[in-house]
Amino acid sequence: MAPGFPAVVPVRDSKAPDGPVIVVARSAWAAFVGAVSLP
């Protein structure tokens, strides 16, 4: 989570840690994780 920004989740490329960050709404991130976690 992003300290100071509890409503969003920052996503970055782990191979380019200094690269750009995509900011996703926390609710959208939860929906994404839930969808990819389904059996």
Foldseek 3Di string as FASTA:
>chain_A
DDVPCVQWDWDDDPVCVVDDIDIGGPVVVVVVVVVVPDD
